[in-house]
């Protein structure tokens, strides 16, 4: 008998990634980009004292970002707005994606929701989710 690891969500996750990629492909004629919403790429790092989420959000004004925490789920949403610099610009092709984005992350029980911080610098949003301090185990003497 052989044992194998099963990842039931892996096929669904792969399908979602492929569908997201298809939605971002520009039109064949090159005249415009897809108009679908986009999602910034993220890195999630676990440190000894915190979880850190870094999201690529170049061109997004920090005032256009909302971060909410509810029932153990961290939601990051925002918008990259299309702004023409000059009225005379006549775009032939737009490949950069604009519009709203929305990401949700289920946090582990060890996350301290009350101490979450966020900052945006050089096009990268960094959300730091501190871990709750662990209660140290102690030995209890039994009296006789």
N, C-alpha and C. Protein backbone atom coordinates (compact mmCIF):
# COMPACT_ATOMS: atom_id res chain seq x y z
N UNK A 1 0.85 -1.17 0.00
CA UNK A 1 0.00 0.00 0.00
C UNK A 1 0.90 1.23 0.00
N UNK A 2 0.60 2.17 -0.86
CA UNK A 2 1.39 3.41 -0.89
C UNK A 2 0.50 4.57 -0.48
N UNK A 3 1.11 5.52 0.18
CA UNK A 3 0.40 6.72 0.63
C UNK A 3 0.79 7.88 -0.26
N UNK A 4 -0.16 8.75 -0.52
CA UNK A 4 0.16 9.94 -1.28
C UNK A 4 -0.58 11.14 -0.71
N UNK A 5 0.03 12.28 -0.83
CA UNK A 5 -0.56 13.51 -0.32
C UNK A 5 -1.54 14.04 -1.35
N UNK A 6 -2.70 14.44 -0.88
CA UNK A 6 -3.73 14.98 -1.76
C UNK A 6 -3.94 16.45 -1.41
N UNK A 7 -3.92 17.29 -2.40
CA UNK A 7 -4.19 18.72 -2.22
C UNK A 7 -5.48 19.03 -2.97
N UNK A 8 -6.63 18.92 -2.30
CA UNK A 8 -7.91 19.03 -3.00
C UNK A 8 -8.15 20.39 -3.65
N UNK A 9 -7.52 21.43 -3.15
CA UNK A 9 -7.78 22.76 -3.71
C UNK A 9 -6.81 23.13 -4.81
N UNK A 10 -5.79 22.32 -5.05
CA UNK A 10 -4.75 22.71 -6.01
C UNK A 10 -5.32 22.85 -7.43
N UNK A 11 -6.19 21.96 -7.85
CA UNK A 11 -6.77 22.08 -9.19
C UNK A 11 -7.65 23.31 -9.31
N UNK A 12 -8.42 23.58 -8.27
CA UNK A 12 -9.27 24.77 -8.29
C UNK A 12 -8.43 26.04 -8.31
N UNK A 13 -7.36 26.08 -7.52
CA UNK A 13 -6.46 27.24 -7.51
C UNK A 13 -5.81 27.43 -8.88
N UNK A 14 -5.39 26.34 -9.51
CA UNK A 14 -4.77 26.44 -10.83
C UNK A 14 -5.78 26.97 -11.84
N UNK A 15 -7.01 26.49 -11.80
CA UNK A 15 -8.04 26.98 -12.70
C UNK A 15 -8.29 28.46 -12.50
N UNK A 16 -8.34 28.89 -11.24
CA UNK A 16 -8.56 30.32 -10.96
C UNK A 16 -7.41 31.16 -11.52
N UNK A 17 -6.16 30.71 -11.36
CA UNK A 17 -5.02 31.45 -11.90
C UNK A 17 -5.11 31.56 -13.42
N UNK A 18 -5.48 30.46 -14.08
CA UNK A 18 -5.58 30.48 -15.54
C UNK A 18 -6.71 31.40 -16.01
N UNK A 19 -7.84 31.37 -15.32
CA UNK A 19 -8.94 32.26 -15.70
C UNK A 19 -8.56 33.72 -15.48
N UNK A 20 -7.86 34.01 -14.40
CA UNK A 20 -7.39 35.38 -14.16
C UNK A 20 -6.45 35.83 -15.26
N UNK A 21 -5.57 34.93 -15.72
CA UNK A 21 -4.63 35.28 -16.78
C UNK A 21 -5.37 35.55 -18.08
N UNK A 22 -6.36 34.74 -18.42
CA UNK A 22 -7.13 34.96 -19.64
C UNK A 22 -7.83 36.31 -19.60
N UNK A 23 -8.34 36.69 -18.44
CA UNK A 23 -9.07 37.96 -18.32
C UNK A 23 -8.15 39.15 -18.52
N UNK A 24 -6.85 38.96 -18.38
CA UNK A 24 -5.91 40.08 -18.50
C UNK A 24 -5.30 40.21 -19.89
N UNK A 25 -5.57 39.29 -20.80
CA UNK A 25 -4.96 39.33 -22.13
C UNK A 25 -5.57 40.46 -22.94
N UNK A 26 -4.74 41.35 -23.54
CA UNK A 26 -5.29 42.43 -24.36
C UNK A 26 -6.01 41.90 -25.59
N UNK A 27 -6.85 42.73 -26.16
CA UNK A 27 -7.57 42.36 -27.38
C UNK A 27 -6.57 42.09 -28.50
N UNK A 28 -6.92 41.20 -29.44
CA UNK A 28 -6.01 40.83 -30.52
C UNK A 28 -5.60 41.99 -31.40
N UNK A 29 -6.47 42.97 -31.56
CA UNK A 29 -6.15 44.09 -32.44
C UNK A 29 -5.20 45.08 -31.79
N UNK A 30 -4.87 44.89 -30.53
CA UNK A 30 -3.92 45.77 -29.85
C UNK A 30 -4.47 47.14 -29.52
N UNK A 31 -5.77 47.34 -29.71
CA UNK A 31 -6.34 48.67 -29.52
C UNK A 31 -6.58 49.01 -28.06
N UNK A 32 -6.80 48.01 -27.24
CA UNK A 32 -7.05 48.32 -25.84
C UNK A 32 -6.74 47.11 -24.97
N UNK A 33 -6.62 47.37 -23.69
CA UNK A 33 -6.35 46.29 -22.75
C UNK A 33 -7.67 45.76 -22.21
N UNK A 34 -7.58 44.63 -21.58
CA UNK A 34 -8.78 44.07 -20.95
C UNK A 34 -9.28 45.04 -19.88
N UNK A 35 -10.58 45.06 -19.69
CA UNK A 35 -11.16 46.01 -18.74
C UNK A 35 -11.51 45.35 -17.42
N UNK A 36 -11.07 44.12 -17.23
CA UNK A 36 -11.42 43.42 -16.00
C UNK A 36 -10.63 43.97 -14.82
N UNK A 37 -11.11 43.67 -13.63
CA UNK A 37 -10.39 44.05 -12.42
C UNK A 37 -9.07 43.28 -12.38
N UNK A 38 -8.18 43.74 -11.57
CA UNK A 38 -6.87 43.11 -11.46
C UNK A 38 -6.56 42.85 -10.00
N UNK A 39 -5.56 42.05 -9.77
CA UNK A 39 -5.15 41.76 -8.40
C UNK A 39 -3.64 41.89 -8.33
N UNK A 40 -3.14 42.68 -7.39
CA UNK A 40 -1.69 42.82 -7.28
C UNK A 40 -1.04 41.53 -6.80
N UNK A 41 0.18 41.30 -7.27
CA UNK A 41 0.95 40.15 -6.80
C UNK A 41 1.36 40.41 -5.35
N UNK A 42 1.35 39.35 -4.55
CA UNK A 42 1.72 39.50 -3.14
C UNK A 42 2.77 38.47 -2.74
N UNK A 43 3.56 38.84 -1.76
CA UNK A 43 4.46 37.92 -1.07
C UNK A 43 3.98 37.89 0.38
N UNK A 44 3.97 36.70 0.97
CA UNK A 44 3.60 36.57 2.38
C UNK A 44 4.78 35.91 3.09
N UNK A 45 5.26 36.59 4.11
CA UNK A 45 6.43 36.12 4.87
C UNK A 45 6.00 35.88 6.31
N UNK A 46 6.46 34.77 6.88
CA UNK A 46 6.23 34.54 8.30
C UNK A 46 7.54 34.74 9.04
N UNK A 47 7.54 35.69 9.96
CA UNK A 47 8.69 35.92 10.82
C UNK A 47 8.36 35.35 12.20
N UNK A 48 9.32 35.38 13.10
CA UNK A 48 9.08 34.87 14.46
C UNK A 48 7.98 35.65 15.17
N UNK A 49 7.92 36.96 14.90
CA UNK A 49 7.01 37.83 15.64
C UNK A 49 5.80 38.32 14.84
N UNK A 50 5.78 38.06 13.52
CA UNK A 50 4.69 38.63 12.71
C UNK A 50 4.60 37.94 11.35
N UNK A 51 3.45 38.17 10.70
CA UNK A 51 3.26 37.81 9.30
C UNK A 51 3.34 39.12 8.53
N UNK A 52 3.97 39.09 7.36
CA UNK A 52 4.11 40.30 6.56
C UNK A 52 3.58 40.01 5.16
N UNK A 53 2.65 40.86 4.71
CA UNK A 53 2.12 40.77 3.35
C UNK A 53 2.65 41.97 2.59
N UNK A 54 3.31 41.71 1.46
CA UNK A 54 3.79 42.79 0.59
C UNK A 54 3.09 42.65 -0.76
N UNK A 55 2.46 43.74 -1.20
CA UNK A 55 1.71 43.73 -2.46
C UNK A 55 2.27 44.79 -3.40
N UNK A 56 2.46 44.42 -4.66
CA UNK A 56 2.90 45.37 -5.68
C UNK A 56 1.72 46.23 -6.11
N UNK A 57 1.80 47.52 -5.82
CA UNK A 57 0.70 48.43 -6.17
C UNK A 57 1.22 49.73 -6.78
N UNK A 58 2.12 49.65 -7.77
CA UNK A 58 2.62 50.90 -8.35
C UNK A 58 1.49 51.71 -8.97
N UNK A 59 1.54 53.01 -8.76
CA UNK A 59 0.52 53.88 -9.33
C UNK A 59 -0.75 53.98 -8.53
N UNK A 60 -0.82 53.30 -7.39
CA UNK A 60 -2.02 53.36 -6.55
C UNK A 60 -1.76 54.35 -5.41
N UNK A 61 -2.63 55.34 -5.31
CA UNK A 61 -2.53 56.33 -4.23
C UNK A 61 -2.94 55.65 -2.92
N UNK A 62 -2.14 55.79 -1.86
CA UNK A 62 -2.51 55.18 -0.57
C UNK A 62 -3.91 55.57 -0.10
N UNK A 63 -4.40 56.74 -0.52
CA UNK A 63 -5.77 57.14 -0.14
C UNK A 63 -6.83 56.27 -0.81
N UNK A 64 -6.44 55.56 -1.88
CA UNK A 64 -7.38 54.71 -2.60
C UNK A 64 -7.31 53.25 -2.16
N UNK A 65 -6.70 52.99 -1.00
CA UNK A 65 -6.58 51.63 -0.47
C UNK A 65 -7.37 51.51 0.82
N UNK A 66 -8.13 50.44 0.94
CA UNK A 66 -8.86 50.13 2.19
C UNK A 66 -8.39 48.77 2.68
N UNK A 67 -8.10 48.70 3.97
CA UNK A 67 -7.72 47.43 4.59
C UNK A 67 -8.66 47.20 5.75
N UNK A 68 -9.35 46.07 5.73
CA UNK A 68 -10.31 45.73 6.78
C UNK A 68 -9.97 44.37 7.36
N UNK A 69 -10.30 44.20 8.63
CA UNK A 69 -10.11 42.93 9.32
C UNK A 69 -11.42 42.55 9.97
N UNK A 70 -11.96 41.39 9.60
CA UNK A 70 -13.23 40.95 10.19
C UNK A 70 -13.26 39.42 10.22
N UNK A 71 -13.59 38.88 11.36
CA UNK A 71 -13.74 37.43 11.54
C UNK A 71 -12.52 36.65 11.05
N UNK A 72 -11.33 37.16 11.34
CA UNK A 72 -10.11 36.45 10.97
C UNK A 72 -9.72 36.57 9.51
N UNK A 73 -10.40 37.43 8.76
CA UNK A 73 -10.09 37.61 7.34
C UNK A 73 -9.63 39.05 7.10
N UNK A 74 -8.44 39.19 6.52
CA UNK A 74 -7.90 40.50 6.17
C UNK A 74 -8.24 40.77 4.72
N UNK A 75 -8.88 41.91 4.46
CA UNK A 75 -9.26 42.28 3.10
C UNK A 75 -8.51 43.54 2.70
N UNK A 76 -7.87 43.48 1.54
CA UNK A 76 -7.19 44.64 0.97
C UNK A 76 -7.90 44.95 -0.34
N UNK A 77 -8.41 46.17 -0.46
CA UNK A 77 -9.04 46.57 -1.71
C UNK A 77 -8.64 47.99 -2.05
N UNK A 78 -8.67 48.29 -3.32
CA UNK A 78 -8.26 49.61 -3.75
C UNK A 78 -8.50 49.81 -5.23
N UNK A 79 -7.92 50.89 -5.75
CA UNK A 79 -8.14 51.22 -7.15
C UNK A 79 -6.92 51.92 -7.73
N UNK A 80 -6.53 51.48 -8.92
CA UNK A 80 -5.51 52.20 -9.70
C UNK A 80 -6.28 52.96 -10.77
N UNK A 81 -6.22 54.28 -10.69
CA UNK A 81 -7.01 55.13 -11.59
C UNK A 81 -6.21 55.47 -12.84
N UNK A 82 -6.91 55.50 -13.97
CA UNK A 82 -6.30 55.89 -15.24
C UNK A 82 -6.38 57.40 -15.35
N UNK A 83 -5.22 58.02 -15.49
CA UNK A 83 -5.18 59.48 -15.61
C UNK A 83 -4.33 59.86 -16.81
N UNK A 84 -4.96 60.48 -17.80
CA UNK A 84 -4.19 60.98 -18.94
C UNK A 84 -3.46 62.23 -18.52
N UNK A 85 -2.18 62.28 -18.85
CA UNK A 85 -1.40 63.44 -18.45
C UNK A 85 -1.73 64.66 -19.30
N UNK A 86 -2.00 64.45 -20.56
CA UNK A 86 -2.35 65.56 -21.44
C UNK A 86 -3.57 65.18 -22.25
N UNK A 87 -4.41 66.15 -22.49
CA UNK A 87 -5.64 65.91 -23.25
C UNK A 87 -5.34 65.45 -24.67
N UNK A 88 -4.20 65.88 -25.22
CA UNK A 88 -3.89 65.55 -26.61
C UNK A 88 -3.33 64.13 -26.79
N UNK A 89 -3.04 63.43 -25.68
CA UNK A 89 -2.52 62.06 -25.81
C UNK A 89 -3.53 61.20 -26.54
N UNK A 90 -3.03 60.44 -27.50
CA UNK A 90 -3.88 59.56 -28.29
C UNK A 90 -3.31 58.15 -28.17
N UNK A 91 -3.73 57.45 -27.13
CA UNK A 91 -3.19 56.13 -26.86
C UNK A 91 -3.58 55.16 -27.96
N UNK A 92 -2.59 54.39 -28.43
CA UNK A 92 -2.81 53.34 -29.43
C UNK A 92 -2.90 51.97 -28.76
N UNK A 93 -2.30 51.87 -27.60
CA UNK A 93 -2.33 50.60 -26.87
C UNK A 93 -2.14 50.90 -25.39
N UNK A 94 -2.93 50.25 -24.57
CA UNK A 94 -2.81 50.38 -23.11
C UNK A 94 -2.67 48.98 -22.55
N UNK A 95 -1.50 48.66 -22.00
CA UNK A 95 -1.27 47.34 -21.44
C UNK A 95 -1.28 47.34 -19.93
N UNK A 96 -1.03 48.49 -19.32
CA UNK A 96 -1.10 48.54 -17.87
C UNK A 96 -2.55 48.40 -17.45
N UNK A 97 -2.77 47.67 -16.38
CA UNK A 97 -4.13 47.38 -15.94
C UNK A 97 -4.57 48.43 -14.92
N UNK A 98 -5.79 48.93 -15.10
CA UNK A 98 -6.36 49.92 -14.21
C UNK A 98 -7.67 49.37 -13.66
N UNK A 99 -8.14 49.99 -12.60
CA UNK A 99 -9.42 49.59 -12.03
C UNK A 99 -9.25 49.15 -10.59
N UNK A 100 -10.27 48.48 -10.10
CA UNK A 100 -10.28 48.08 -8.70
C UNK A 100 -9.60 46.73 -8.51
N UNK A 101 -9.10 46.52 -7.31
CA UNK A 101 -8.56 45.22 -6.95
C UNK A 101 -9.08 44.84 -5.57
N UNK A 102 -9.00 43.54 -5.27
CA UNK A 102 -9.60 42.99 -4.06
C UNK A 102 -8.85 41.72 -3.71
N UNK A 103 -8.23 41.67 -2.54
CA UNK A 103 -7.56 40.46 -2.08
C UNK A 103 -8.02 40.16 -0.67
N UNK A 104 -8.21 38.86 -0.37
CA UNK A 104 -8.61 38.44 0.98
C UNK A 104 -7.64 37.37 1.46
N UNK A 105 -7.32 37.46 2.76
CA UNK A 105 -6.39 36.51 3.37
C UNK A 105 -6.97 36.04 4.70
N UNK A 106 -7.10 34.72 4.85
CA UNK A 106 -7.54 34.15 6.11
C UNK A 106 -6.31 34.08 7.01
N UNK A 107 -6.40 34.73 8.17
CA UNK A 107 -5.27 34.79 9.07
C UNK A 107 -5.32 33.66 10.09
N UNK A 108 -4.17 33.19 10.52
CA UNK A 108 -4.15 32.14 11.54
C UNK A 108 -4.60 32.70 12.89
N UNK A 109 -4.97 31.79 13.78
CA UNK A 109 -5.43 32.20 15.11
C UNK A 109 -4.38 32.98 15.89
N UNK A 110 -3.12 32.79 15.55
CA UNK A 110 -2.05 33.47 16.28
C UNK A 110 -1.89 34.94 15.89
N UNK A 111 -2.62 35.40 14.87
CA UNK A 111 -2.52 36.80 14.43
C UNK A 111 -3.18 37.72 15.45
N UNK A 112 -2.54 38.86 15.71
CA UNK A 112 -3.06 39.86 16.64
C UNK A 112 -3.72 40.97 15.82
N UNK A 113 -5.02 40.86 15.62
CA UNK A 113 -5.76 41.79 14.75
C UNK A 113 -5.72 43.23 15.23
N UNK A 114 -5.55 43.43 16.52
CA UNK A 114 -5.57 44.79 17.08
C UNK A 114 -4.29 45.57 16.78
N UNK A 115 -3.24 44.91 16.37
CA UNK A 115 -1.95 45.59 16.20
C UNK A 115 -1.47 45.61 14.75
N UNK A 116 -2.36 45.37 13.79
CA UNK A 116 -1.98 45.36 12.38
C UNK A 116 -1.62 46.78 11.93
N UNK A 117 -0.52 46.89 11.17
CA UNK A 117 -0.11 48.17 10.61
C UNK A 117 0.09 48.03 9.10
N UNK A 118 0.00 49.15 8.39
CA UNK A 118 0.20 49.14 6.94
C UNK A 118 0.88 50.41 6.51
N UNK A 119 1.76 50.27 5.51
CA UNK A 119 2.39 51.45 4.92
C UNK A 119 2.64 51.17 3.44
N UNK A 120 2.69 52.24 2.68
CA UNK A 120 2.95 52.14 1.25
C UNK A 120 4.18 52.97 0.93
N UNK A 121 5.15 52.32 0.25
CA UNK A 121 6.38 53.03 -0.10
C UNK A 121 6.92 52.45 -1.41
N UNK A 122 7.23 53.35 -2.34
CA UNK A 122 7.82 52.96 -3.63
C UNK A 122 6.99 51.91 -4.37
N UNK A 123 5.67 52.05 -4.33
CA UNK A 123 4.80 51.14 -5.07
C UNK A 123 4.58 49.79 -4.42
N UNK A 124 4.99 49.64 -3.17
CA UNK A 124 4.79 48.37 -2.46
C UNK A 124 4.01 48.65 -1.17
N UNK A 125 2.89 47.95 -1.02
CA UNK A 125 2.11 48.02 0.21
C UNK A 125 2.63 46.94 1.14
N UNK A 126 2.94 47.31 2.38
CA UNK A 126 3.40 46.34 3.36
C UNK A 126 2.44 46.34 4.54
N UNK A 127 1.84 45.18 4.79
CA UNK A 127 0.92 45.00 5.92
C UNK A 127 1.60 44.05 6.90
N UNK A 128 1.77 44.52 8.13
CA UNK A 128 2.42 43.71 9.17
C UNK A 128 1.36 43.27 10.17
N UNK A 129 1.24 41.96 10.33
CA UNK A 129 0.26 41.38 11.25
C UNK A 129 1.05 40.71 12.38
N UNK A 130 1.17 41.37 13.53
CA UNK A 130 1.94 40.78 14.64
C UNK A 130 1.28 39.49 15.14
N UNK A 131 2.11 38.62 15.68
CA UNK A 131 1.60 37.40 16.30
C UNK A 131 1.32 37.70 17.77
N UNK A 132 0.30 37.04 18.30
CA UNK A 132 0.01 37.17 19.72
C UNK A 132 1.14 36.51 20.51
N UNK A 133 1.42 37.10 21.66
CA UNK A 133 2.45 36.49 22.50
C UNK A 133 1.93 35.17 23.04
N UNK A 134 2.77 34.17 22.93
CA UNK A 134 2.38 32.85 23.41
C UNK A 134 2.49 32.80 24.92
N UNK A 135 1.59 32.07 25.50
CA UNK A 135 1.67 31.84 26.94
C UNK A 135 2.72 30.75 27.14
N UNK A 136 3.68 31.06 27.97
CA UNK A 136 4.76 30.10 28.20
C UNK A 136 4.26 28.97 29.10
N UNK A 137 4.60 27.74 28.73
CA UNK A 137 4.19 26.63 29.59
C UNK A 137 4.96 26.68 30.91
N UNK A 138 4.31 26.23 31.95
CA UNK A 138 4.98 26.19 33.24
C UNK A 138 4.59 24.90 33.95
N UNK A 139 5.47 24.47 34.79
CA UNK A 139 5.22 23.24 35.55
C UNK A 139 4.52 23.61 36.84
N UNK A 140 3.50 22.87 37.17
CA UNK A 140 2.74 23.11 38.39
C UNK A 140 3.04 21.96 39.35
N UNK A 141 3.49 22.35 40.52
CA UNK A 141 3.82 21.35 41.54
C UNK A 141 2.52 20.85 42.18
N UNK A 142 2.48 19.58 42.41
CA UNK A 142 1.34 18.96 43.07
C UNK A 142 1.68 18.81 44.55
N UNK A 143 0.87 19.44 45.37
CA UNK A 143 1.11 19.35 46.81
C UNK A 143 0.52 18.06 47.36
N UNK A 144 1.16 17.56 48.39
CA UNK A 144 0.62 16.34 49.02
C UNK A 144 0.13 16.61 50.41
